Amino acid sequence: MTVKDSCIVEAGTLLVGVGPDGAMERRYDVGIRVHEGLIAQVGAIEAVAYGNDHLPRYGSRGMIAMPGLVNGHHHFGLTPLMMGVPFAPLELWLPRFRAMRQIGNRLDTLYSAIEMLESGTTTVHHIQSGLTGTPDNWHAITSDILGAYDEIGMRAGYSFMMRDQNILAYEDDAKVLAALPEKVRDWLAPKLGAAATPTADYMDFFRAIRSGWAETSPDGVRVNLAPANLHWCSDESLQLMSQTAREAGASIHMHLVETERQAEYALKKFGHTAVQHLQKLECLGPEVTLGHGNWMTPEDLDIIAGCGCTMCHNASSGLRLGSGIAPVNEMRARQIPVALGIDQSNLADDRDMTLEMKLVWALHRETGLFNDRPDAAAVLQMATEHGAKSAGFGGLVGRVEPGLKADIVLMDEKAMARPFVSKRTPVEETVLHRGGRHAIDKVFVGGRLVVDGGKVISIDREAVMAEVAARLEAPETAAEAADWEMVNAMMPHLEAFHRDHPLVGERRPYRFNRITP
């Protein structure tokens, strides 16, 4: 992110952010003066505009201004559904990814970035699914992805998932490979070998790109670490990543107990929960975000609260894959910061955070008359300030106040109110329940106008969409057809392996899992 602008943004209502009392702080008839990417002044529009006629002026009193949203957990652009991968439980879904068509990291990143920006998301934590090959290839992948975010004008936390064991299932890979037909085994084994990189080598790469991007884009990029999950990482690998992150002052984002099988893996392997094992390894702390957390116990949440970790709630993902529902209300009761992630895609198979926020609000209503439920202000804080902290941008974005980066969304109040919303209705409730892409007019990142009239203007969006379509409409290559043949041949045997190696007993109700009986 190299372009910094100065301008004045006008709004009839400004949602500043959530205050210490949990209520949304609002200001009315305001001007926001942006100087070289920073919010320099917030006040009455007449006072802010005085003497600044030379600055570009955007917005009006008919607009609602709010902080840019943060997608705290994202992987790649083209969705599996788009690429012909059917929905299935996570353990039977991920292996099919090996047959998905690739269109190149730059184009893939731009595609989802367009969706995010046009729905008000200005910052993303991009968790690359993995790095294979040589360090030269790792640098090329990273440069293409972060270069695309810089090109379109998004702020990005970046990490790459690391695994050193149990790639195929919750057992040693050699054991799983032995259960596959020879033809499939010969196709799959080299792919697993290509990912067998010592964690120390990945740490060297992490330090190199972190240093490089700190110089290239000090405000636009944060390089973080992403141990993939407990069953995918040895204890030694987890401890090395934790030590490296603390030495570098970096954030860690780790998938954890996303599914019931993952929770049972820890109990079977270690005799205690995944969270308890991470605590034993001294791998928990304020720098850590745990993604999903659908199958945590009350004791787990007590540990997380005590260690100062953040949780990232991926509501659509948990529902679409049948993974579970995170106990968000129990997290909030312990004052655990909760960020929001769209993960691979939301209920509409896109990256619209305004839709994800609606789902989160509704999903955690629970029954009862006097429950402590997240209101609109709480959900907006999850999607802004808490997400910013998780991605590595805490204290820089997530609120609209002087000294922070000017990541601002302007929403058309009439588009949300049509035909009418009472003035008694809190503005944040209107934004949450009636807001959406249809109401987003302008989006600024560091004072740079990147969305105007609801459409991305920082790149040629139509050219990107046309190129995506052209590549995907091209005939399937022989290599791509062969990959599908091998994946289709592999899946019945992988399903049989899971049936023959059960980790769970009788299926429990699909509710709030371990928190609610």
Protein backbone atom coordinates (compact mmCIF):
# COMPACT_ATOMS: atom_id res chain seq x y z
CA MET A 1 0.00 0.00 0.00
CA THR A 2 1.90 3.01 -1.25
CA VAL A 3 -0.80 5.57 -2.12
CA LYS A 4 -1.78 7.96 0.67
CA ASP A 5 -4.41 10.65 0.24
CA SER A 6 -5.65 13.74 2.01
CA CYS A 7 -9.33 14.60 1.86
CA ILE A 8 -12.46 15.45 3.84
CA VAL A 9 -15.17 12.88 4.41
CA GLU A 10 -18.61 14.14 5.43
CA ALA A 11 -21.33 12.12 7.16
CA GLY A 12 -24.62 12.74 8.94
CA THR A 13 -23.75 10.02 11.45
CA LEU A 14 -20.38 8.58 12.40
CA LEU A 15 -20.09 5.23 14.18
CA VAL A 16 -16.76 5.79 15.94
CA GLY A 17 -16.48 2.38 17.61
CA VAL A 18 -17.57 0.69 20.82
CA GLY A 19 -16.86 2.50 24.08
CA PRO A 20 -15.76 1.05 27.44
CA ASP A 21 -19.43 0.62 28.43
CA GLY A 22 -20.11 -1.60 25.40
CA ALA A 23 -22.25 1.01 23.67
CA MET A 24 -21.56 2.39 20.21
CA GLU A 25 -20.02 5.86 20.25
CA ARG A 26 -21.76 8.09 17.70
CA ARG A 27 -21.20 11.58 16.36
CA TYR A 28 -23.50 13.58 14.14
CA ASP A 29 -23.04 15.99 11.22
CA VAL A 30 -19.30 15.45 11.18
CA GLY A 31 -16.38 16.01 8.93
CA ILE A 32 -13.36 13.72 8.97
CA ARG A 33 -10.16 15.35 7.76
CA VAL A 34 -7.64 12.90 6.42
CA HIS A 35 -3.99 13.91 6.09
CA GLU A 36 -1.69 11.58 4.21
CA GLY A 37 -3.68 8.52 5.13
CA LEU A 38 -4.26 9.37 8.80
CA ILE A 39 -7.38 10.73 10.46
CA ALA A 40 -6.22 14.17 11.51
CA GLN A 41 -9.45 15.73 12.74
CA VAL A 42 -13.06 14.76 13.49
CA GLY A 43 -15.55 17.52 14.24
CA ALA A 44 -18.35 19.68 12.98
CA ILE A 45 -18.22 19.73 9.21
CA GLU A 46 -18.00 23.52 9.09
CA ALA A 47 -14.99 23.58 11.41
CA VAL A 48 -13.22 20.72 9.65
CA ALA A 49 -13.81 22.22 6.20
CA TYR A 50 -12.67 25.73 7.17
CA GLY A 51 -9.47 26.61 5.37
CA ASN A 52 -9.38 23.25 3.58
CA ASP A 53 -11.10 24.10 0.33
CA HIS A 54 -8.13 22.63 -1.52
CA LEU A 55 -8.92 19.12 -0.28
CA PRO A 56 -11.16 16.70 -2.18
CA ARG A 57 -14.50 16.34 -0.38
CA TYR A 58 -16.60 13.18 -0.29
CA GLY A 59 -19.88 12.15 1.28
CA SER A 60 -22.82 14.15 2.61
CA ARG A 61 -25.15 14.40 5.58
CA GLY A 62 -27.10 11.55 4.02
CA MET A 63 -24.22 9.16 4.66
CA ILE A 64 -23.33 6.99 7.64
CA ALA A 65 -19.58 6.62 8.20
CA MET A 66 -18.08 3.65 10.02
CA PRO A 67 -14.73 1.86 10.37
CA GLY A 68 -13.69 -0.46 7.57
CA LEU A 69 -14.58 -4.07 8.32
CA VAL A 70 -12.00 -6.81 8.93
CA ASN A 71 -12.20 -10.37 7.62
CA GLY A 72 -10.13 -12.11 10.26
CA HIS A 73 -9.88 -15.54 8.59
CA HIS A 74 -9.59 -15.96 4.81
CA HIS A 75 -7.84 -18.49 2.58
CA PHE A 76 -8.24 -17.99 -1.19
CA GLY A 77 -10.46 -16.51 -3.87
CA LEU A 78 -12.32 -19.00 -6.03
CA THR A 79 -14.66 -20.97 -3.80
CA PRO A 80 -14.71 -24.78 -3.79
CA LEU A 81 -18.37 -24.67 -4.85
CA MET A 82 -17.40 -22.66 -7.93
CA MET A 83 -14.76 -25.26 -8.71
CA GLY A 84 -17.04 -28.30 -8.51
CA VAL A 85 -16.16 -29.48 -4.99
CA PRO A 86 -19.33 -30.59 -3.14
CA PHE A 87 -19.90 -29.65 0.47
CA ALA A 88 -18.99 -32.33 2.97
CA PRO A 89 -17.69 -32.51 6.54
CA LEU A 90 -14.26 -30.90 6.73
CA GLU A 91 -12.34 -34.18 6.81
CA LEU A 92 -13.99 -35.30 3.54
CA TRP A 93 -13.99 -31.84 1.96
CA LEU A 94 -10.37 -30.72 2.14
CA PRO A 95 -8.90 -33.73 0.25
CA ARG A 96 -10.96 -32.79 -2.81
CA PHE A 97 -9.16 -29.45 -3.01
CA ARG A 98 -6.28 -31.25 -4.71
CA ALA A 99 -8.31 -31.35 -7.93
CA MET A 100 -9.36 -27.70 -8.02
CA ARG A 101 -8.27 -25.64 -11.01
CA GLN A 102 -5.73 -22.89 -10.35
CA ILE A 103 -5.87 -19.46 -12.00
CA GLY A 104 -2.77 -17.92 -10.44
CA ASN A 105 -2.37 -16.28 -7.04
CA ARG A 106 -2.63 -12.67 -8.22
CA LEU A 107 -5.90 -13.15 -10.09
CA ASP A 108 -7.37 -15.37 -7.40
CA THR A 109 -6.54 -12.79 -4.72
CA LEU A 110 -7.96 -9.88 -6.70
CA TYR A 111 -11.24 -11.75 -7.22
CA SER A 112 -12.00 -12.13 -3.51
CA ALA A 113 -10.54 -8.69 -2.72
CA ILE A 114 -13.12 -7.11 -5.03
CA GLU A 115 -15.90 -8.90 -3.14
CA MET A 116 -14.48 -7.83 0.21
CA LEU A 117 -13.93 -4.17 -0.63
CA GLU A 118 -17.35 -3.76 -2.22
CA SER A 119 -18.96 -5.07 0.96
CA GLY A 120 -16.94 -2.75 3.19
CA THR A 121 -14.02 -4.98 4.22
CA THR A 122 -10.78 -3.00 4.15
CA THR A 123 -8.49 -5.41 6.03
CA VAL A 124 -8.08 -9.17 5.69
CA HIS A 125 -6.03 -11.84 7.38
CA HIS A 126 -5.02 -14.01 4.43
CA ILE A 127 -4.03 -17.48 5.64
CA GLN A 128 -2.32 -19.12 2.68
CA SER A 129 -3.23 -22.80 2.61
CA GLY A 130 0.40 -23.87 2.36
CA LEU A 131 3.75 -23.42 0.64
CA THR A 132 5.45 -26.16 -1.36
CA GLY A 133 8.55 -26.43 -3.48
CA THR A 134 11.63 -24.30 -2.98
CA PRO A 135 11.98 -20.94 -1.16
CA ASP A 136 12.01 -19.25 -4.57
CA ASN A 137 8.51 -20.58 -5.10
CA TRP A 138 7.45 -19.44 -1.62
CA HIS A 139 8.64 -15.92 -2.40
CA ALA A 140 6.77 -15.93 -5.73
CA ILE A 141 3.51 -17.03 -4.09
CA THR A 142 3.81 -14.47 -1.31
CA SER A 143 4.75 -11.63 -3.66
CA ASP A 144 1.82 -12.38 -5.97
CA ILE A 145 -0.68 -12.41 -3.10
CA LEU A 146 0.56 -9.38 -1.19
CA GLY A 147 1.23 -7.55 -4.42
CA ALA A 148 -2.42 -8.05 -5.41
CA TYR A 149 -3.68 -6.63 -2.12
CA ASP A 150 -1.35 -3.66 -2.52
CA GLU A 151 -2.52 -3.17 -6.09
CA ILE A 152 -6.21 -3.08 -5.19
CA GLY A 153 -5.63 -1.11 -1.99
CA MET A 154 -6.46 -3.51 0.85
CA ARG A 155 -4.64 -3.89 4.13
CA ALA A 156 -3.52 -7.50 4.68
CA GLY A 157 -2.26 -9.67 7.46
CA TYR A 158 -0.51 -12.62 5.81
CA SER A 159 0.42 -16.06 7.09
CA PHE A 160 1.00 -19.49 5.61
CA MET A 161 -0.29 -22.69 7.17
CA MET A 162 2.44 -25.06 8.36
CA ARG A 163 2.07 -28.81 8.87
CA ASP A 164 4.64 -31.49 9.64
CA GLN A 165 2.44 -34.53 10.33
CA ASN A 166 -0.93 -36.23 9.70
CA ILE A 167 -1.64 -34.40 6.44
CA LEU A 168 -4.32 -36.80 5.20
CA ALA A 169 -6.17 -37.76 8.38
CA TYR A 170 -5.72 -38.05 12.13
CA GLU A 171 -3.15 -40.80 11.71
CA ASP A 172 0.38 -41.09 10.38
CA ASP A 173 0.41 -40.43 6.63
CA ALA A 174 2.24 -43.68 5.86
CA LYS A 175 -0.61 -45.58 7.47
CA VAL A 176 -3.22 -43.72 5.43
CA LEU A 177 -1.27 -44.09 2.18
CA ALA A 178 -1.00 -47.83 2.74
CA ALA A 179 -4.80 -48.06 2.67
CA LEU A 180 -5.02 -46.42 -0.77
CA PRO A 181 -4.83 -48.12 -4.19
CA GLU A 182 -1.33 -48.20 -5.62
CA LYS A 183 -2.20 -45.83 -8.46
CA VAL A 184 -3.58 -43.23 -6.06
CA ARG A 185 -0.69 -43.75 -3.66
CA ASP A 186 1.86 -43.15 -6.40
CA TRP A 187 0.06 -39.93 -7.37
CA LEU A 188 -0.35 -38.62 -3.83
CA ALA A 189 2.95 -39.56 -2.14
CA PRO A 190 5.12 -37.07 -4.10
CA LYS A 191 2.67 -34.28 -3.26
CA LEU A 192 3.04 -35.03 0.44
CA GLY A 193 6.80 -35.16 0.07
CA ALA A 194 6.81 -31.71 -1.53
CA ALA A 195 5.30 -30.30 1.67
CA ALA A 196 7.78 -31.99 4.01
CA THR A 197 9.74 -28.88 4.93
CA PRO A 198 11.48 -28.46 8.30
CA THR A 199 9.77 -25.84 10.46
CA ALA A 200 13.11 -24.08 10.96
CA ASP A 201 13.28 -23.42 7.20
CA TYR A 202 9.82 -21.88 7.28
CA MET A 203 10.89 -19.68 10.20
CA ASP A 204 13.84 -18.39 8.17
CA PHE A 205 11.43 -17.57 5.35
CA PHE A 206 9.01 -15.89 7.76
CA ARG A 207 11.73 -13.63 9.13
CA ALA A 208 12.89 -12.71 5.62
CA ILE A 209 9.46 -11.74 4.28
CA ARG A 210 8.48 -10.01 7.50
CA SER A 211 11.54 -7.80 7.27
CA GLY A 212 11.06 -7.19 3.55
CA TRP A 213 7.40 -6.22 3.75
CA ALA A 214 8.01 -4.04 6.79
CA GLU A 215 10.11 -1.88 4.48
CA THR A 216 7.94 -2.23 1.37
CA SER A 217 4.56 -1.64 3.03
CA PRO A 218 4.91 -0.78 6.72
CA ASP A 219 1.26 0.19 7.13
CA GLY A 220 -0.33 -2.19 4.64
CA VAL A 221 1.08 -5.62 5.53
CA ARG A 222 1.57 -7.64 8.68
CA VAL A 223 3.33 -11.00 8.32
CA ASN A 224 2.07 -13.48 10.92
CA LEU A 225 2.45 -17.19 11.67
CA ALA A 226 -0.16 -19.91 11.19
CA PRO A 227 0.42 -23.34 12.69
CA ALA A 228 -2.27 -25.22 10.80
CA ASN A 229 -3.87 -27.16 13.67
CA LEU A 230 -2.89 -29.30 16.63
CA HIS A 231 -3.11 -32.63 14.80
CA TRP A 232 -1.10 -31.24 11.87
CA CYS A 233 1.81 -29.94 13.97
CA SER A 234 4.27 -31.71 16.22
CA ASP A 235 4.94 -30.30 19.67
CA GLU A 236 8.42 -29.26 18.61
CA SER A 237 7.06 -27.38 15.59
CA LEU A 238 4.44 -25.57 17.68
CA GLN A 239 6.99 -24.47 20.25
CA LEU A 240 9.40 -23.21 17.60
CA MET A 241 6.66 -21.17 15.91
CA SER A 242 5.55 -19.74 19.25
CA GLN A 243 9.09 -18.77 20.18
CA THR A 244 9.68 -17.18 16.76
CA ALA A 245 6.47 -15.15 16.91
CA ARG A 246 7.29 -13.78 20.35
CA GLU A 247 10.81 -12.85 19.33
CA ALA A 248 9.48 -11.04 16.25
CA GLY A 249 6.48 -9.44 17.94
CA ALA A 250 4.21 -11.17 15.42
CA SER A 251 0.70 -12.56 15.71
CA ILE A 252 -0.21 -16.24 15.52
CA HIS A 253 -3.46 -17.55 14.02
CA MET A 254 -4.14 -21.24 14.57
CA HIS A 255 -7.13 -23.38 13.60
CA LEU A 256 -8.29 -25.31 16.65
CA VAL A 257 -11.09 -27.79 17.50
CA GLU A 258 -13.01 -26.84 14.40
CA THR A 259 -14.66 -30.29 14.31
CA GLU A 260 -15.64 -32.88 16.87
CA ARG A 261 -12.97 -35.24 15.56
CA GLN A 262 -10.30 -32.63 16.18
CA ALA A 263 -11.44 -32.28 19.79
CA GLU A 264 -11.45 -36.05 20.26
CA TYR A 265 -8.00 -36.35 18.64
CA ALA A 266 -6.48 -34.32 21.48
CA LEU A 267 -8.26 -36.33 24.16
CA LYS A 268 -7.14 -39.62 22.62
CA LYS A 269 -3.58 -38.48 21.87
CA PHE A 270 -2.75 -36.45 24.99
CA GLY A 271 -5.36 -37.32 27.57
CA HIS A 272 -6.56 -33.71 27.79
CA THR A 273 -8.07 -31.05 25.53
CA ALA A 274 -6.30 -29.26 22.70
CA VAL A 275 -6.35 -25.98 24.64
CA GLN A 276 -4.88 -27.67 27.69
CA HIS A 277 -2.13 -29.14 25.53
CA LEU A 278 -1.23 -25.75 24.05
CA GLN A 279 -1.13 -24.34 27.56
CA LYS A 280 1.19 -27.15 28.64
CA LEU A 281 3.48 -26.31 25.70
CA GLU A 282 3.38 -22.62 26.70
CA CYS A 283 2.01 -21.73 23.26
CA LEU A 284 -0.86 -19.49 24.40
CA GLY A 285 -0.67 -15.74 24.93
CA PRO A 286 -2.00 -12.33 23.84
CA GLU A 287 -0.36 -12.74 20.43
CA VAL A 288 -2.48 -15.84 19.67
CA THR A 289 -5.79 -16.03 17.83
CA LEU A 290 -7.56 -19.39 17.76
CA GLY A 291 -9.78 -19.90 14.73
CA HIS A 292 -13.15 -21.69 14.99
CA GLY A 293 -13.13 -23.09 18.56
CA ASN A 294 -16.42 -24.90 17.98
CA TRP A 295 -15.73 -27.73 20.46
CA MET A 296 -14.20 -26.00 23.47
CA THR A 297 -15.09 -26.81 27.07
CA PRO A 298 -15.85 -24.21 29.74
CA GLU A 299 -12.44 -24.98 31.23
CA ASP A 300 -10.82 -24.33 27.84
CA LEU A 301 -12.47 -20.91 27.69
CA ASP A 302 -11.25 -20.09 31.19
CA ILE A 303 -7.69 -20.88 30.07
CA ILE A 304 -8.05 -18.76 26.93
CA ALA A 305 -9.38 -15.82 28.91
CA GLY A 306 -6.52 -16.12 31.37
CA CYS A 307 -3.91 -16.21 28.59
CA GLY A 308 -5.34 -13.16 26.80
CA CYS A 309 -5.97 -14.97 23.51
CA THR A 310 -8.43 -13.82 20.84
CA MET A 311 -11.00 -16.10 19.22
CA CYS A 312 -11.97 -15.87 15.55
CA HIS A 313 -15.56 -16.98 14.95
CA ASN A 314 -16.27 -18.42 11.48
CA ALA A 315 -20.03 -18.85 11.65
CA SER A 316 -20.87 -19.65 8.02
CA SER A 317 -18.06 -22.18 7.79
CA GLY A 318 -19.22 -24.04 10.89
CA LEU A 319 -22.75 -24.30 9.54
CA ARG A 320 -21.96 -25.10 5.90
CA LEU A 321 -19.56 -27.91 6.77
CA GLY A 322 -21.50 -29.21 9.74
CA SER A 323 -18.50 -28.51 11.97
CA GLY A 324 -20.37 -26.92 14.85
CA ILE A 325 -21.29 -23.62 16.46
CA ALA A 326 -18.75 -21.74 18.54
CA PRO A 327 -19.96 -20.81 22.06
CA VAL A 328 -19.60 -17.07 21.44
CA ASN A 329 -21.80 -16.00 24.34
CA GLU A 330 -19.65 -18.02 26.74
CA MET A 331 -16.56 -16.39 25.24
CA ARG A 332 -17.99 -12.92 25.67
CA ALA A 333 -19.02 -13.71 29.26
CA ARG A 334 -15.31 -14.27 29.95
CA GLN A 335 -14.38 -11.05 28.10
CA ILE A 336 -12.51 -12.96 25.41
CA PRO A 337 -12.15 -10.74 22.31
CA VAL A 338 -14.00 -12.33 19.39
CA ALA A 339 -13.09 -11.49 15.79
CA LEU A 340 -15.08 -12.59 12.74
CA GLY A 341 -13.87 -14.54 9.72
CA ILE A 342 -15.66 -15.56 6.56
CA ASP A 343 -13.22 -18.44 6.08
CA GLN A 344 -13.62 -19.96 2.62
CA SER A 345 -16.98 -18.26 1.95
CA ASN A 346 -20.17 -17.26 3.71
CA LEU A 347 -23.75 -18.53 3.34
CA ALA A 348 -24.04 -16.76 -0.02
CA ASP A 349 -20.73 -18.27 -1.23
CA ASP A 350 -19.06 -14.88 -1.33
CA ARG A 351 -17.08 -12.59 1.04
CA ASP A 352 -19.77 -10.15 2.19
CA MET A 353 -19.01 -9.36 5.84
CA THR A 354 -22.30 -7.46 6.21
CA LEU A 355 -24.10 -10.77 5.62
CA GLU A 356 -21.78 -12.66 7.98
CA MET A 357 -22.51 -10.15 10.74
CA LYS A 358 -26.25 -10.71 10.38
CA LEU A 359 -25.74 -14.45 10.74
CA VAL A 360 -23.56 -14.04 13.83
CA TRP A 361 -26.13 -11.80 15.49
CA ALA A 362 -28.97 -14.26 14.81
CA LEU A 363 -27.02 -17.42 15.60
CA HIS A 364 -26.22 -16.38 19.15
CA ARG A 365 -29.60 -15.13 20.29
CA GLU A 366 -30.27 -18.30 22.31
CA THR A 367 -33.55 -18.88 24.11
CA GLY A 368 -34.61 -17.10 27.27
CA LEU A 369 -35.87 -13.67 28.22
CA PHE A 370 -32.83 -12.07 29.84
CA ASN A 371 -29.82 -13.55 28.09
CA ASP A 372 -26.70 -11.47 27.53
CA ARG A 373 -26.73 -11.57 23.75
CA PRO A 374 -24.44 -9.67 21.36
CA ASP A 375 -26.19 -6.56 20.11
CA ALA A 376 -25.35 -4.67 16.93
CA ALA A 377 -22.54 -2.75 18.61
CA ALA A 378 -20.90 -5.96 19.83
CA VAL A 379 -21.10 -7.60 16.41
CA LEU A 380 -19.67 -4.51 14.72
CA GLN A 381 -16.80 -4.50 17.20
CA MET A 382 -16.08 -8.14 16.34
CA ALA A 383 -15.93 -7.21 12.66
CA THR A 384 -13.73 -4.14 13.17
CA GLU A 385 -11.62 -3.53 16.27
CA HIS A 386 -11.23 -7.14 17.38
CA GLY A 387 -10.48 -8.30 13.84
CA ALA A 388 -7.86 -5.58 13.46
CA LYS A 389 -6.08 -6.76 16.61
CA SER A 390 -6.14 -10.37 15.43
CA ALA A 391 -4.68 -9.53 12.01
CA GLY A 392 -1.83 -7.49 13.52
CA PHE A 393 -3.25 -3.99 13.00
CA GLY A 394 -4.47 -3.29 16.53
CA GLY A 395 -4.28 0.39 17.38
CA LEU A 396 -3.99 1.34 13.69
CA VAL A 397 -7.45 0.58 12.31
CA GLY A 398 -10.82 -0.61 13.60
CA ARG A 399 -12.14 2.74 14.84
CA VAL A 400 -12.68 6.20 13.34
CA GLU A 401 -10.80 8.66 15.51
CA PRO A 402 -7.76 10.96 15.17
CA GLY A 403 -4.40 9.27 14.91
CA LEU A 404 -5.70 6.08 13.28
CA LYS A 405 -5.51 5.12 9.63
CA ALA A 406 -8.38 6.45 7.55
CA ASP A 407 -10.09 3.15 6.71
CA ILE A 408 -13.67 4.36 6.37
CA VAL A 409 -16.90 3.05 4.83
CA LEU A 410 -19.68 5.38 3.73
CA MET A 411 -23.17 3.85 3.62
CA ASP A 412 -26.21 5.56 2.11
CA GLU A 413 -28.77 6.03 4.87
CA LYS A 414 -31.70 6.28 2.44
CA ALA A 415 -30.74 2.99 0.79
CA MET A 416 -30.99 1.29 4.20
CA ALA A 417 -34.04 3.19 5.44
CA ARG A 418 -36.15 2.81 2.29
CA PRO A 419 -39.03 3.34 2.72
CA PHE A 420 -38.58 4.35 6.37
CA VAL A 421 -36.73 3.65 9.62
CA SER A 422 -37.71 5.42 12.83
CA LYS A 423 -35.26 7.86 14.39
CA ARG A 424 -35.77 5.88 17.59
CA THR A 425 -33.90 2.96 16.03
CA PRO A 426 -30.19 3.10 16.93
CA VAL A 427 -28.13 3.71 13.81
CA GLU A 428 -25.89 0.72 14.44
CA GLU A 429 -28.96 -1.53 14.49
CA THR A 430 -30.02 -0.15 11.12
CA VAL A 431 -26.52 -0.68 9.73
CA LEU A 432 -26.38 -4.28 10.95
CA HIS A 433 -29.88 -5.41 10.01
CA ARG A 434 -30.59 -3.34 6.89
CA GLY A 435 -27.11 -2.52 5.66
CA GLY A 436 -25.30 -4.37 2.91
CA ARG A 437 -23.56 -3.98 -0.41
CA HIS A 438 -26.61 -2.22 -1.81
CA ALA A 439 -26.01 0.65 0.62
CA ILE A 440 -22.21 0.95 0.42
CA ASP A 441 -21.29 4.01 -1.60
CA LYS A 442 -17.62 4.71 -0.89
CA VAL A 443 -14.75 2.91 0.79
CA PHE A 444 -11.43 4.48 1.78
CA VAL A 445 -8.26 2.66 2.81
CA GLY A 446 -5.65 4.97 4.29
CA GLY A 447 -7.55 7.89 2.80
CA ARG A 448 -7.39 6.40 -0.69
CA LEU A 449 -10.77 6.08 -2.40
CA VAL A 450 -10.92 2.45 -3.55
CA VAL A 451 -14.69 1.98 -3.95
CA ASP A 452 -16.98 4.60 -5.49
CA GLY A 453 -20.63 4.14 -6.27
CA GLY A 454 -20.38 0.66 -4.77
CA LYS A 455 -17.73 -0.53 -7.25
CA VAL A 456 -13.98 -0.98 -6.94
CA ILE A 457 -12.13 1.77 -8.82
CA SER A 458 -8.55 1.07 -7.75
CA ILE A 459 -8.17 -1.57 -10.50
CA ASP A 460 -10.03 -2.50 -13.68
CA ARG A 461 -12.54 -4.77 -11.95
CA GLU A 462 -14.32 -5.78 -15.15
CA ALA A 463 -11.05 -6.86 -16.73
CA VAL A 464 -10.27 -9.00 -13.68
CA MET A 465 -13.71 -10.64 -13.77
CA ALA A 466 -13.42 -11.26 -17.50
CA GLU A 467 -10.00 -12.85 -17.09
CA VAL A 468 -11.25 -15.10 -14.29
CA ALA A 469 -14.17 -16.23 -16.45
CA ALA A 470 -11.96 -16.81 -19.49
CA ARG A 471 -9.52 -19.00 -17.57
CA LEU A 472 -12.24 -21.05 -15.94
CA GLU A 473 -14.22 -21.51 -19.16
CA ALA A 474 -11.15 -22.89 -20.95
CA PRO A 475 -11.29 -26.65 -21.62
CA GLU A 476 -10.02 -28.90 -18.86
CA THR A 477 -6.43 -29.99 -19.42
CA ALA A 478 -5.31 -33.60 -19.36
CA ALA A 479 -3.47 -32.98 -16.09
CA GLU A 480 -6.58 -31.46 -14.50
CA ALA A 481 -8.71 -34.39 -15.63
CA ALA A 482 -6.13 -36.78 -14.18
CA ASP A 483 -6.24 -34.97 -10.83
CA TRP A 484 -10.03 -35.36 -10.68
CA GLU A 485 -9.71 -39.03 -11.59
CA MET A 486 -7.26 -39.59 -8.73
CA VAL A 487 -9.31 -37.60 -6.19
CA ASN A 488 -12.48 -39.48 -7.13
CA ALA A 489 -10.58 -42.76 -6.79
CA MET A 490 -9.11 -41.71 -3.45
CA MET A 491 -12.25 -40.54 -1.67
CA PRO A 492 -14.04 -43.89 -1.14
CA HIS A 493 -10.88 -45.30 0.43
CA LEU A 494 -10.33 -42.21 2.58
CA GLU A 495 -13.94 -42.39 3.74
CA ALA A 496 -13.45 -46.07 4.58
CA PHE A 497 -10.30 -45.21 6.52
CA HIS A 498 -12.21 -42.71 8.67
CA ARG A 499 -14.97 -45.27 9.29
CA ASP A 500 -12.38 -47.85 10.33
CA HIS A 501 -10.61 -45.39 12.65
CA PRO A 502 -13.40 -43.68 14.56
CA LEU A 503 -12.43 -41.09 17.11
CA VAL A 504 -15.90 -40.31 18.38
CA GLY A 505 -18.71 -42.38 19.80
CA GLU A 506 -22.38 -41.58 19.49
CA ARG A 507 -23.00 -38.36 17.58
CA ARG A 508 -23.99 -35.51 19.87
CA PRO A 509 -26.73 -32.97 19.16
CA TYR A 510 -25.80 -30.22 16.73
CA ARG A 511 -26.07 -27.33 19.16
CA PHE A 512 -23.62 -25.41 21.27
CA ASN A 513 -21.61 -28.53 21.56
CA ARG A 514 -19.67 -28.87 24.79
CA ILE A 515 -21.13 -25.83 26.47
CA THR A 516 -24.81 -26.84 26.21
CA PRO A 517 -25.75 -30.45 27.12
